[in-house]
Amino acid sequence: MKADTDILSGKGLTKVFGFGAQRTVAVDQVDFSFKKAEIVSIVGESGSGKTTLAKMLLGLLKPSEGEIYFEGKLRDIRT
């Protein structure tokens, strides 16, 4: 892998919980790319979706929409 290649990236990540009137959008259309050895922080207010985003990146939650790539390969999250 080249040093300038993205090790982790995402396009249009969205996570929705519930349905209808109970629908809550926790993460809405997030795009990102991280390079190898890059230091990144995710900051925001309480309830802004940081933990939900982290769980999607770790494969603990499946995004409602969007894609996550690790070393250029699409991650297939089945949870």
N, C-alpha and C. Protein backbone atom coordinates (compact mmCIF):
# COMPACT_ATOMS: atom_id res chain seq x y z
N MET A 1 0.84 -1.18 0.00
CA MET A 1 0.00 0.00 0.00
C MET A 1 0.88 1.24 0.00
N LYS A 2 0.60 2.15 -0.88
CA LYS A 2 1.34 3.41 -0.94
C LYS A 2 1.01 4.27 0.28
N ALA A 3 1.96 5.10 0.66
CA ALA A 3 1.77 5.95 1.84
C ALA A 3 0.62 6.93 1.68
N ASP A 4 0.32 7.34 0.43
CA ASP A 4 -0.74 8.32 0.23
C ASP A 4 -2.11 7.69 -0.03
N THR A 5 -2.20 6.36 0.08
CA THR A 5 -3.46 5.66 -0.13
C THR A 5 -4.32 5.73 1.13
N ASP A 6 -5.62 5.89 0.96
CA ASP A 6 -6.52 5.90 2.12
C ASP A 6 -6.56 4.51 2.75
N ILE A 7 -6.36 4.47 4.07
CA ILE A 7 -6.48 3.19 4.77
C ILE A 7 -7.93 2.94 5.17
N LEU A 8 -8.67 4.03 5.43
CA LEU A 8 -10.07 3.93 5.81
C LEU A 8 -10.81 5.11 5.19
N SER A 9 -11.92 4.83 4.54
CA SER A 9 -12.70 5.92 3.94
C SER A 9 -14.18 5.56 3.95
N GLY A 10 -14.99 6.57 3.86
CA GLY A 10 -16.43 6.37 3.83
C GLY A 10 -17.09 7.40 2.93
N LYS A 11 -18.20 7.01 2.37
CA LYS A 11 -18.93 7.90 1.46
C LYS A 11 -20.42 7.82 1.79
N GLY A 12 -21.01 8.96 2.11
CA GLY A 12 -22.45 9.04 2.34
C GLY A 12 -22.97 8.25 3.53
N LEU A 13 -22.14 8.10 4.57
CA LEU A 13 -22.57 7.29 5.72
C LEU A 13 -23.75 7.94 6.44
N THR A 14 -24.79 7.15 6.60
CA THR A 14 -26.00 7.59 7.28
C THR A 14 -26.47 6.46 8.18
N LYS A 15 -26.93 6.80 9.38
CA LYS A 15 -27.52 5.81 10.27
C LYS A 15 -28.82 6.37 10.81
N VAL A 16 -29.90 5.63 10.58
CA VAL A 16 -31.23 6.01 11.03
C VAL A 16 -31.73 4.94 11.99
N PHE A 17 -32.27 5.37 13.13
CA PHE A 17 -32.88 4.46 14.09
C PHE A 17 -34.38 4.73 14.09
N GLY A 18 -35.19 3.68 14.20
CA GLY A 18 -36.63 3.81 14.28
C GLY A 18 -37.28 4.03 12.93
N PHE A 19 -38.61 4.22 12.97
CA PHE A 19 -39.42 4.37 11.76
C PHE A 19 -40.47 5.45 11.97
N GLY A 20 -40.92 6.04 10.88
CA GLY A 20 -42.03 7.00 10.92
C GLY A 20 -41.77 8.15 11.87
N ALA A 21 -42.74 8.41 12.75
CA ALA A 21 -42.64 9.53 13.69
C ALA A 21 -41.51 9.31 14.70
N GLN A 22 -41.11 8.05 14.90
CA GLN A 22 -40.06 7.72 15.85
C GLN A 22 -38.67 7.68 15.20
N ARG A 23 -38.58 8.10 13.95
CA ARG A 23 -37.33 8.04 13.18
C ARG A 23 -36.34 9.10 13.68
N THR A 24 -35.11 8.65 13.96
CA THR A 24 -34.04 9.54 14.40
C THR A 24 -32.83 9.33 13.50
N VAL A 25 -32.36 10.39 12.88
CA VAL A 25 -31.15 10.33 12.06
C VAL A 25 -29.97 10.65 12.96
N ALA A 26 -29.14 9.64 13.24
CA ALA A 26 -28.00 9.82 14.14
C ALA A 26 -26.76 10.31 13.41
N VAL A 27 -26.57 9.84 12.18
CA VAL A 27 -25.45 10.25 11.33
C VAL A 27 -26.03 10.51 9.95
N ASP A 28 -25.69 11.66 9.36
CA ASP A 28 -26.33 12.06 8.10
C ASP A 28 -25.30 12.42 7.02
N GLN A 29 -25.12 11.52 6.06
CA GLN A 29 -24.30 11.75 4.86
C GLN A 29 -22.87 12.20 5.18
N VAL A 30 -22.15 11.40 5.97
CA VAL A 30 -20.77 11.71 6.34
C VAL A 30 -19.81 11.11 5.32
N ASP A 31 -18.88 11.93 4.83
CA ASP A 31 -17.79 11.48 3.95
C ASP A 31 -16.48 11.72 4.69
N PHE A 32 -15.51 10.82 4.55
CA PHE A 32 -14.21 10.99 5.18
C PHE A 32 -13.18 10.11 4.49
N SER A 33 -11.91 10.41 4.73
CA SER A 33 -10.82 9.54 4.30
C SER A 33 -9.65 9.74 5.25
N PHE A 34 -9.05 8.63 5.69
CA PHE A 34 -7.91 8.65 6.59
C PHE A 34 -6.73 7.97 5.90
N LYS A 35 -5.57 8.57 5.98
CA LYS A 35 -4.34 7.99 5.45
C LYS A 35 -3.65 7.18 6.55
N LYS A 36 -2.79 6.26 6.16
CA LYS A 36 -2.03 5.46 7.11
C LYS A 36 -1.19 6.39 7.99
N ALA A 37 -1.18 6.13 9.28
CA ALA A 37 -0.42 6.87 10.30
C ALA A 37 -0.96 8.28 10.55
N GLU A 38 -2.08 8.63 9.95
CA GLU A 38 -2.69 9.94 10.18
C GLU A 38 -3.40 9.93 11.54
N ILE A 39 -3.30 11.01 12.27
CA ILE A 39 -3.99 11.14 13.56
C ILE A 39 -5.27 11.92 13.32
N VAL A 40 -6.39 11.35 13.78
CA VAL A 40 -7.71 11.94 13.53
C VAL A 40 -8.48 12.01 14.84
N SER A 41 -9.26 13.06 15.02
CA SER A 41 -10.17 13.12 16.16
C SER A 41 -11.57 13.44 15.64
N ILE A 42 -12.54 12.89 16.33
CA ILE A 42 -13.95 13.14 16.00
C ILE A 42 -14.53 13.89 17.20
N VAL A 43 -14.94 15.12 16.98
CA VAL A 43 -15.44 15.95 18.07
C VAL A 43 -16.84 16.44 17.76
N GLY A 44 -17.59 16.72 18.80
CA GLY A 44 -18.93 17.25 18.64
C GLY A 44 -19.66 17.23 19.96
N GLU A 45 -20.80 17.85 19.97
CA GLU A 45 -21.62 17.92 21.18
C GLU A 45 -22.19 16.55 21.52
N SER A 46 -22.67 16.42 22.73
CA SER A 46 -23.35 15.21 23.16
C SER A 46 -24.54 14.95 22.25
N GLY A 47 -24.67 13.72 21.77
CA GLY A 47 -25.79 13.36 20.91
C GLY A 47 -25.59 13.69 19.45
N SER A 48 -24.35 14.06 19.06
CA SER A 48 -24.12 14.46 17.67
C SER A 48 -23.78 13.29 16.74
N GLY A 49 -23.66 12.07 17.27
CA GLY A 49 -23.43 10.90 16.42
C GLY A 49 -22.02 10.35 16.43
N LYS A 50 -21.15 10.84 17.31
CA LYS A 50 -19.76 10.38 17.35
C LYS A 50 -19.66 8.89 17.64
N THR A 51 -20.34 8.41 18.64
CA THR A 51 -20.29 7.00 19.00
C THR A 51 -20.92 6.14 17.92
N THR A 52 -22.01 6.58 17.35
CA THR A 52 -22.66 5.84 16.26
C THR A 52 -21.71 5.72 15.07
N LEU A 53 -21.04 6.80 14.71
CA LEU A 53 -20.07 6.77 13.62
C LEU A 53 -18.93 5.80 13.94
N ALA A 54 -18.40 5.87 15.16
CA ALA A 54 -17.32 4.97 15.56
C ALA A 54 -17.76 3.51 15.49
N LYS A 55 -18.97 3.21 15.93
CA LYS A 55 -19.48 1.83 15.87
C LYS A 55 -19.62 1.35 14.43
N MET A 56 -20.00 2.24 13.52
CA MET A 56 -20.07 1.86 12.10
C MET A 56 -18.67 1.58 11.56
N LEU A 57 -17.69 2.40 11.93
CA LEU A 57 -16.33 2.21 11.46
C LEU A 57 -15.73 0.91 11.98
N LEU A 58 -16.11 0.51 13.19
CA LEU A 58 -15.61 -0.73 13.78
C LEU A 58 -16.39 -1.96 13.32
N GLY A 59 -17.47 -1.76 12.59
CA GLY A 59 -18.26 -2.89 12.11
C GLY A 59 -19.29 -3.38 13.10
N LEU A 60 -19.56 -2.61 14.15
CA LEU A 60 -20.54 -3.00 15.16
C LEU A 60 -21.96 -2.60 14.78
N LEU A 61 -22.10 -1.63 13.89
CA LEU A 61 -23.39 -1.19 13.37
C LEU A 61 -23.31 -1.12 11.85
N LYS A 62 -24.37 -1.54 11.20
CA LYS A 62 -24.43 -1.43 9.75
C LYS A 62 -25.02 -0.07 9.38
N PRO A 63 -24.38 0.67 8.48
CA PRO A 63 -24.95 1.95 8.06
C PRO A 63 -26.30 1.75 7.37
N SER A 64 -27.23 2.69 7.55
CA SER A 64 -28.50 2.65 6.82
C SER A 64 -28.24 2.94 5.35
N GLU A 65 -27.28 3.81 5.08
CA GLU A 65 -26.86 4.16 3.72
C GLU A 65 -25.36 4.41 3.73
N GLY A 66 -24.75 4.34 2.57
CA GLY A 66 -23.34 4.67 2.41
C GLY A 66 -22.45 3.44 2.44
N GLU A 67 -21.16 3.69 2.23
CA GLU A 67 -20.19 2.61 2.14
C GLU A 67 -18.94 2.96 2.94
N ILE A 68 -18.30 1.91 3.49
CA ILE A 68 -17.04 2.05 4.21
C ILE A 68 -16.01 1.19 3.49
N TYR A 69 -14.83 1.75 3.26
CA TYR A 69 -13.74 1.04 2.59
C TYR A 69 -12.54 0.95 3.53
N PHE A 70 -11.95 -0.24 3.61
CA PHE A 70 -10.72 -0.46 4.37
C PHE A 70 -9.66 -0.94 3.39
N GLU A 71 -8.57 -0.21 3.32
CA GLU A 71 -7.49 -0.49 2.36
C GLU A 71 -8.03 -0.63 0.95
N GLY A 72 -9.01 0.22 0.61
CA GLY A 72 -9.57 0.25 -0.74
C GLY A 72 -10.63 -0.79 -1.03
N LYS A 73 -10.91 -1.67 -0.05
CA LYS A 73 -11.90 -2.73 -0.26
C LYS A 73 -13.17 -2.42 0.52
N LEU A 74 -14.30 -2.60 -0.14
CA LEU A 74 -15.60 -2.36 0.49
C LEU A 74 -15.79 -3.31 1.66
N ARG A 75 -16.14 -2.77 2.83
CA ARG A 75 -16.42 -3.61 4.01
C ARG A 75 -17.85 -4.07 3.94
N ASP A 76 -18.04 -5.36 4.12
CA ASP A 76 -19.38 -5.95 4.14
C ASP A 76 -19.77 -6.16 5.60
N ILE A 77 -20.57 -5.24 6.13
CA ILE A 77 -20.98 -5.30 7.53
C ILE A 77 -22.36 -5.95 7.59
N ARG A 78 -22.46 -7.05 8.28
CA ARG A 78 -23.70 -7.83 8.27
C ARG A 78 -24.50 -7.77 9.56
N THR A 79 -24.15 -6.89 10.48
CA THR A 79 -24.87 -6.84 11.75
C THR A 79 -26.17 -6.09 11.59
